[in-house]
Protein backbone atom coordinates (compact mmCIF):
# COMPACT_ATOMS: atom_id res chain seq x y z
CA MET A 1 3.19 0.58 -2.38
CA LEU A 2 -0.76 2.02 -1.92
CA GLY A 3 -0.07 3.76 -5.23
CA TRP A 4 1.28 0.43 -6.96
CA ALA A 5 -1.71 -1.37 -5.53
CA LEU A 6 -4.34 1.08 -6.51
CA THR A 7 -2.89 0.92 -10.07
CA PHE A 8 -2.69 -2.55 -10.62
CA LEU A 9 -6.67 -2.18 -9.53
CA ILE A 10 -7.28 0.27 -11.88
CA ILE A 11 -5.75 -1.92 -14.52
CA ALA A 12 -7.15 -4.98 -13.50
CA LEU A 13 -10.74 -2.78 -13.76
CA ILE A 14 -10.01 -1.59 -17.25
CA ALA A 15 -9.09 -5.28 -18.65
CA GLY A 16 -12.01 -6.63 -17.27
CA VAL A 17 -14.52 -4.08 -18.50
CA LEU A 18 -12.43 -4.70 -21.92
CA GLY A 19 -12.70 -8.43 -21.50
CA PHE A 20 -9.20 -9.60 -21.00
CA GLY A 21 -9.94 -12.09 -18.00
CA VAL A 22 -6.08 -13.28 -17.86
CA VAL A 23 -4.71 -9.96 -17.58
CA ALA A 24 -7.58 -8.68 -15.38
CA GLY A 25 -6.95 -11.77 -12.82
CA THR A 26 -3.38 -11.60 -12.92
CA ALA A 27 -3.42 -7.51 -12.06
CA ALA A 28 -6.37 -8.04 -9.25
CA THR A 29 -3.85 -10.48 -7.89
CA ILE A 30 -1.02 -8.37 -7.81
CA ALA A 31 -2.96 -5.26 -6.42
CA LYS A 32 -4.38 -7.86 -3.67
CA VAL A 33 -0.59 -8.74 -2.56
CA LEU A 34 0.76 -5.13 -2.78
CA PHE A 35 -2.18 -4.22 -0.51
CA VAL A 36 -1.50 -6.86 1.88
CA VAL A 37 2.32 -5.86 1.66
CA PHE A 38 1.31 -2.29 2.13
CA LEU A 39 -1.19 -2.73 5.21
CA VAL A 40 1.68 -5.31 6.91
CA LEU A 41 4.66 -2.57 6.43
CA PHE A 42 2.06 0.31 7.83
CA VAL A 43 1.10 -1.71 11.04
CA VAL A 44 4.95 -2.40 11.62
CA GLY A 45 5.70 1.29 11.14
CA LEU A 46 3.18 2.12 13.39
CA LEU A 47 4.29 -0.34 16.39
CA MET A 48 8.26 0.53 15.82
CA GLY A 49 7.22 4.37 15.99
CA ARG A 50 5.84 4.00 19.28
CA ARG A 51 9.02 2.91 20.91
CA GLY A 52 10.43 5.32 23.58
CA PRO A 53 13.85 6.54 22.98
CA VAL A 54 16.68 4.45 23.26
CA ALA A 55 18.93 5.17 26.37
């Protein structure tokens, strides 16, 4: 998930430098959404991993 977010961030940066504003904005938005999803899943994974053994 983090890899995809970084990929879209790089696409947004390249598109912004080349002047493709719409593509850059869309890629940046996708990168932000994927990064937030990654953070949420990461935190949930940390919390679920700290559970004790089920009896």
